């Protein structure tokens, strides 16, 4: 998803989180494109991107590197959650490609919880004969009671001429979930300006994570988005836009 803007600043690449897509960042991308080109990508096994059994952060970082090289070889990079870990991996291994880095509500650590139940629930839904998104919502409701979460997942449902199907490669995500929740050892550091954004009510970035963050990103700073949870760009898009735009303009 490309949003054209002035080309006198590095382009901005946006990487979404697990079970998401480029369209999740559409409103933020359009606003940030006021002073630069913005490219929101579908990560592998999501959206319109190809399916692949390898869903490691090394593979996702390679994908992002290809995008940035296609944009001229240097860009600002913003990643949320899973996309944030992929962005960090790229910055650590290919710092020549990343001008400034924004990491949204994730830390370079292994998380003890898992998101595998959601993928299993989506895979369990019988999509045969579904002609309307509302029908899929009704079938998903017993497995995912939260209507907001269901609405988010249903953005990845393709209602094509051949019937309904998930754009997500659920088999690959389930198989690689342990690696998705982890973060690889790199032995590297990214010495350029980095902003870690945290949702005020989220627990994804905790005080105990800061030694690991500082070790890998010595120029890291921290900003909290008031009233926002883990999906901070949906909860408080204006505050996220303001924080990101101010950081990138420095």
Protein backbone atom coordinates (compact mmCIF):
# COMPACT_ATOMS: atom_id res chain seq x y z
CA UNK A 1 0.00 0.00 0.00
CA UNK A 2 1.76 3.12 -1.28
CA UNK A 3 0.97 6.69 -0.23
CA UNK A 4 2.84 9.24 -2.30
CA UNK A 5 4.32 12.29 -0.57
CA UNK A 6 7.26 14.66 -0.89
CA UNK A 7 10.52 12.91 -1.76
CA UNK A 8 12.92 15.22 0.07
CA UNK A 9 12.92 12.93 3.12
CA UNK A 10 13.56 9.21 3.46
CA UNK A 11 10.48 7.11 2.72
CA UNK A 12 8.72 5.47 5.66
CA UNK A 13 8.02 1.72 5.62
CA UNK A 14 5.30 0.35 7.94
CA UNK A 15 5.29 -3.30 9.07
CA UNK A 16 2.10 -4.58 10.74
CA UNK A 17 1.70 -7.14 13.52
CA UNK A 18 0.56 -10.75 13.71
CA UNK A 19 -2.78 -11.51 11.98
CA UNK A 20 -2.81 -7.96 10.56
CA UNK A 21 -2.21 -6.39 7.16
CA UNK A 22 -1.08 -3.15 5.57
CA UNK A 23 -4.65 -1.84 5.63
CA UNK A 24 -4.55 -1.76 9.45
CA UNK A 25 -2.21 1.23 9.14
CA UNK A 26 -4.10 2.96 6.35
CA UNK A 27 -5.29 6.04 8.27
CA UNK A 28 -1.91 6.54 9.96
CA UNK A 29 -0.06 6.04 6.67
CA UNK A 30 -2.18 8.63 4.86
CA UNK A 31 -1.53 11.24 7.54
CA UNK A 32 2.21 10.56 7.71
CA UNK A 33 2.40 10.84 3.90
CA UNK A 34 1.87 14.60 4.24
CA UNK A 35 5.65 15.09 4.20
CA UNK A 36 7.14 11.87 2.83
CA UNK A 37 6.39 8.76 0.83
CA UNK A 38 4.87 6.00 2.99
CA UNK A 39 4.76 2.32 2.10
CA UNK A 40 2.73 -0.08 4.25
CA UNK A 41 3.58 -3.70 3.51
CA UNK A 42 1.78 -7.00 3.92
CA UNK A 43 4.18 -9.22 5.82
CA UNK A 44 4.73 -12.73 4.46
CA UNK A 45 1.83 -15.12 5.16
CA UNK A 46 -0.48 -12.12 5.60
CA UNK A 47 -2.66 -10.02 3.31
CA UNK A 48 -1.69 -10.16 -0.35
CA UNK A 49 1.88 -11.36 0.27
CA UNK A 50 3.03 -14.87 -0.67
CA UNK A 51 2.69 -17.81 1.67
CA UNK A 52 5.87 -19.47 2.84
CA UNK A 53 6.54 -22.13 5.50
CA UNK A 54 9.39 -20.01 6.91
CA UNK A 55 7.97 -17.32 9.19
CA UNK A 56 11.19 -16.53 11.05
CA UNK A 57 12.29 -13.00 11.86
CA UNK A 58 15.35 -13.53 9.70
CA UNK A 59 13.07 -14.22 6.72
CA UNK A 60 10.78 -11.28 7.50
CA UNK A 61 13.79 -8.96 7.84
CA UNK A 62 15.01 -10.11 4.44
CA UNK A 63 11.59 -9.25 2.99
CA UNK A 64 11.74 -5.76 4.48
CA UNK A 65 15.27 -5.32 3.17
CA UNK A 66 14.00 -6.04 -0.33
CA UNK A 67 11.29 -3.40 0.04
CA UNK A 68 13.74 -0.75 1.22
CA UNK A 69 16.27 -1.59 -1.47
CA UNK A 70 13.48 -1.12 -4.00
CA UNK A 71 12.84 2.33 -2.55
CA UNK A 72 16.43 3.44 -2.99
CA UNK A 73 18.29 1.66 -0.20
CA UNK A 74 17.55 3.80 2.86
CA UNK A 75 14.30 4.40 4.73
CA UNK A 76 12.73 5.13 8.07
CA UNK A 77 11.10 1.99 9.43
CA UNK A 78 8.16 1.51 11.78
CA UNK A 79 7.08 -1.92 12.97
CA UNK A 80 4.27 -2.92 15.32
CA UNK A 81 4.37 -6.07 17.46
CA UNK A 82 5.55 -8.92 15.20
CA UNK A 83 6.41 -6.31 12.58
CA UNK A 84 8.38 -4.45 15.25
CA UNK A 85 10.51 -7.50 15.92
CA UNK A 86 11.10 -7.93 12.19
CA UNK A 87 12.04 -4.25 11.94
CA UNK A 88 14.47 -4.59 14.85
CA UNK A 89 16.04 -7.65 13.24
CA UNK A 90 16.58 -5.74 9.99
CA UNK A 91 18.05 -2.72 11.78
CA UNK A 92 20.47 -4.93 13.69
CA UNK A 93 21.65 -6.86 10.63
CA UNK A 94 21.40 -4.19 7.93
CA UNK A 95 21.79 -0.79 9.63
CA UNK A 96 22.78 0.70 6.28
CA UNK A 97 19.14 0.38 5.18
CA UNK A 98 17.49 1.99 8.21
CA UNK A 99 17.70 5.74 8.82
CA UNK A 100 15.47 5.91 11.92
CA UNK A 101 13.58 3.11 13.64
CA UNK A 102 10.22 3.18 15.43
CA UNK A 103 9.16 0.08 17.38
CA UNK A 104 5.51 0.03 18.41
CA UNK A 105 4.60 -1.85 21.60
CA UNK A 106 7.04 -4.73 21.52
CA UNK A 107 10.47 -5.46 23.01
CA UNK A 108 13.37 -7.61 21.73
CA UNK A 109 12.57 -10.39 24.20
CA UNK A 110 10.82 -13.75 24.31
CA UNK A 111 7.23 -13.52 25.53
CA UNK A 112 5.79 -16.25 27.75
CA UNK A 113 2.28 -16.08 26.28
CA UNK A 114 1.27 -17.38 22.86
CA UNK A 115 -1.11 -16.22 20.15
CA UNK A 116 -1.56 -19.70 18.73
CA UNK A 117 -5.13 -20.12 20.01
CA UNK A 118 -6.34 -17.44 17.59
CA UNK A 119 -4.82 -19.18 14.57
CA UNK A 120 -6.28 -22.51 15.68
CA UNK A 121 -9.71 -20.89 16.08
CA UNK A 122 -9.57 -19.33 12.60
CA UNK A 123 -8.49 -22.61 11.04
CA UNK A 124 -11.37 -24.41 12.76
CA UNK A 125 -14.07 -22.20 11.20
CA UNK A 126 -16.03 -23.92 8.45
CA UNK A 127 -15.98 -21.48 5.53
CA UNK A 128 -17.94 -23.66 3.12
CA UNK A 129 -20.98 -21.94 1.66
CA UNK A 130 -20.25 -18.55 3.23
CA UNK A 131 -21.45 -15.75 0.99
CA UNK A 132 -21.36 -12.80 3.38
CA UNK A 133 -18.88 -11.63 5.99
CA UNK A 134 -21.68 -11.60 8.57
CA UNK A 135 -22.04 -15.36 8.15
CA UNK A 136 -18.35 -15.85 8.85
CA UNK A 137 -18.67 -13.62 11.89
CA UNK A 138 -21.51 -15.79 13.22
CA UNK A 139 -19.48 -18.98 12.77
CA UNK A 140 -16.40 -17.43 14.38
CA UNK A 141 -18.30 -16.01 17.38
CA UNK A 142 -18.34 -19.23 19.49
CA UNK A 143 -14.55 -19.47 19.13
CA UNK A 144 -13.73 -15.74 19.44
CA UNK A 145 -16.37 -14.06 21.67
CA UNK A 146 -14.82 -10.58 21.49
CA UNK A 147 -16.55 -8.73 18.59
CA UNK A 148 -13.67 -6.26 18.21
CA UNK A 149 -11.16 -9.08 17.85
CA UNK A 150 -13.44 -10.88 15.40
CA UNK A 151 -13.72 -7.73 13.31
CA UNK A 152 -9.94 -7.49 13.20
CA UNK A 153 -9.56 -11.11 12.09
CA UNK A 154 -12.32 -10.81 9.49
CA UNK A 155 -10.31 -8.11 7.71
CA UNK A 156 -8.14 -11.03 6.57
CA UNK A 157 -11.07 -12.98 5.10
CA UNK A 158 -11.12 -13.00 1.31
CA UNK A 159 -14.67 -13.21 -0.06
CA UNK A 160 -13.64 -14.22 -3.57
CA UNK A 161 -15.59 -15.71 -6.44
CA UNK A 162 -14.37 -19.19 -5.49
CA UNK A 163 -15.61 -18.85 -1.93
CA UNK A 164 -14.34 -17.52 1.37
CA UNK A 165 -10.75 -18.16 2.44
CA UNK A 166 -8.32 -16.75 4.96
CA UNK A 167 -5.54 -14.66 3.48
CA UNK A 168 -3.44 -15.75 6.46
CA UNK A 169 -1.21 -18.80 6.12
CA UNK A 170 -2.52 -20.29 9.35
CA UNK A 171 -0.53 -23.53 9.08
CA UNK A 172 2.76 -21.63 8.84
CA UNK A 173 1.86 -19.26 11.68
CA UNK A 174 0.91 -22.15 13.95
CA UNK A 175 4.06 -24.08 13.11
CA UNK A 176 6.35 -21.08 13.70
CA UNK A 177 4.51 -19.57 16.69
CA UNK A 178 7.36 -20.42 19.13
CA UNK A 179 9.76 -18.40 16.95
CA UNK A 180 7.24 -15.57 16.58
CA UNK A 181 6.98 -15.20 20.35
CA UNK A 182 10.78 -15.38 20.74
CA UNK A 183 13.51 -12.99 19.58
CA UNK A 184 16.76 -14.32 18.10
CA UNK A 185 20.15 -13.66 19.62
CA UNK A 186 22.05 -11.38 17.27
CA UNK A 187 25.20 -10.12 19.00
CA UNK A 188 24.70 -6.82 17.18
CA UNK A 189 23.70 -3.24 18.01
CA UNK A 190 21.85 -0.53 16.12
CA UNK A 191 23.38 2.82 16.97
CA UNK A 192 20.95 5.16 15.23
CA UNK A 193 17.94 6.98 16.72
CA UNK A 194 15.22 4.58 17.81
CA UNK A 195 11.82 5.30 19.33
CA UNK A 196 9.94 2.70 21.36
CA UNK A 197 6.23 3.51 21.55
CA UNK A 198 4.17 1.85 24.27
CA UNK A 199 0.44 1.80 24.86
CA UNK A 200 -0.36 3.11 28.33
CA UNK A 201 -2.55 0.12 29.22
CA UNK A 202 -0.42 -2.47 27.43
CA UNK A 203 2.05 -4.77 29.20
CA UNK A 204 4.14 -5.63 26.15
CA UNK A 205 6.96 -3.23 27.07
CA UNK A 206 7.79 -3.61 30.76
CA UNK A 207 10.45 -1.91 32.92
CA UNK A 208 12.37 -5.17 33.04
CA UNK A 209 12.75 -5.14 29.25
CA UNK A 210 14.80 -1.96 29.16
CA UNK A 211 18.21 -3.53 29.80
CA UNK A 212 17.72 -5.70 26.70
CA UNK A 213 16.46 -2.72 24.69
CA UNK A 214 19.38 -0.50 25.72
CA UNK A 215 21.88 -3.27 25.01
CA UNK A 216 20.72 -3.63 21.41
CA UNK A 217 19.56 -0.05 20.78
CA UNK A 218 21.79 2.33 22.76
CA UNK A 219 20.11 5.40 21.22
CA UNK A 220 16.62 4.24 22.19
CA UNK A 221 14.08 6.57 23.73
CA UNK A 222 10.62 5.83 25.06
CA UNK A 223 7.19 7.41 24.60
CA UNK A 224 3.86 6.30 26.07
CA UNK A 225 0.60 6.74 24.13
CA UNK A 226 -2.05 7.77 26.70
CA UNK A 227 -5.14 5.60 26.89
CA UNK A 228 -3.88 3.12 24.30
CA UNK A 229 -3.45 -0.61 24.58
CA UNK A 230 -1.37 -2.93 22.43
CA UNK A 231 -3.21 -1.81 19.28
CA UNK A 232 -2.09 1.75 19.90
CA UNK A 233 -2.50 2.88 16.28
CA UNK A 234 -6.18 1.90 16.44
CA UNK A 235 -6.79 3.18 19.98
CA UNK A 236 -5.09 6.56 19.60
CA UNK A 237 -4.07 7.18 15.97
CA UNK A 238 -3.68 10.93 16.44
CA UNK A 239 -1.21 10.53 19.30
CA UNK A 240 0.75 7.90 17.38
CA UNK A 241 0.95 10.12 14.30
CA UNK A 242 2.10 13.06 16.40
CA UNK A 243 4.80 11.07 18.19
CA UNK A 244 6.11 9.40 15.03
CA UNK A 245 6.08 12.59 12.95
CA UNK A 246 7.95 14.55 15.63
CA UNK A 247 10.58 11.83 15.97
CA UNK A 248 11.15 11.52 12.24
CA UNK A 249 11.47 15.27 11.75
CA UNK A 250 14.29 15.65 14.27
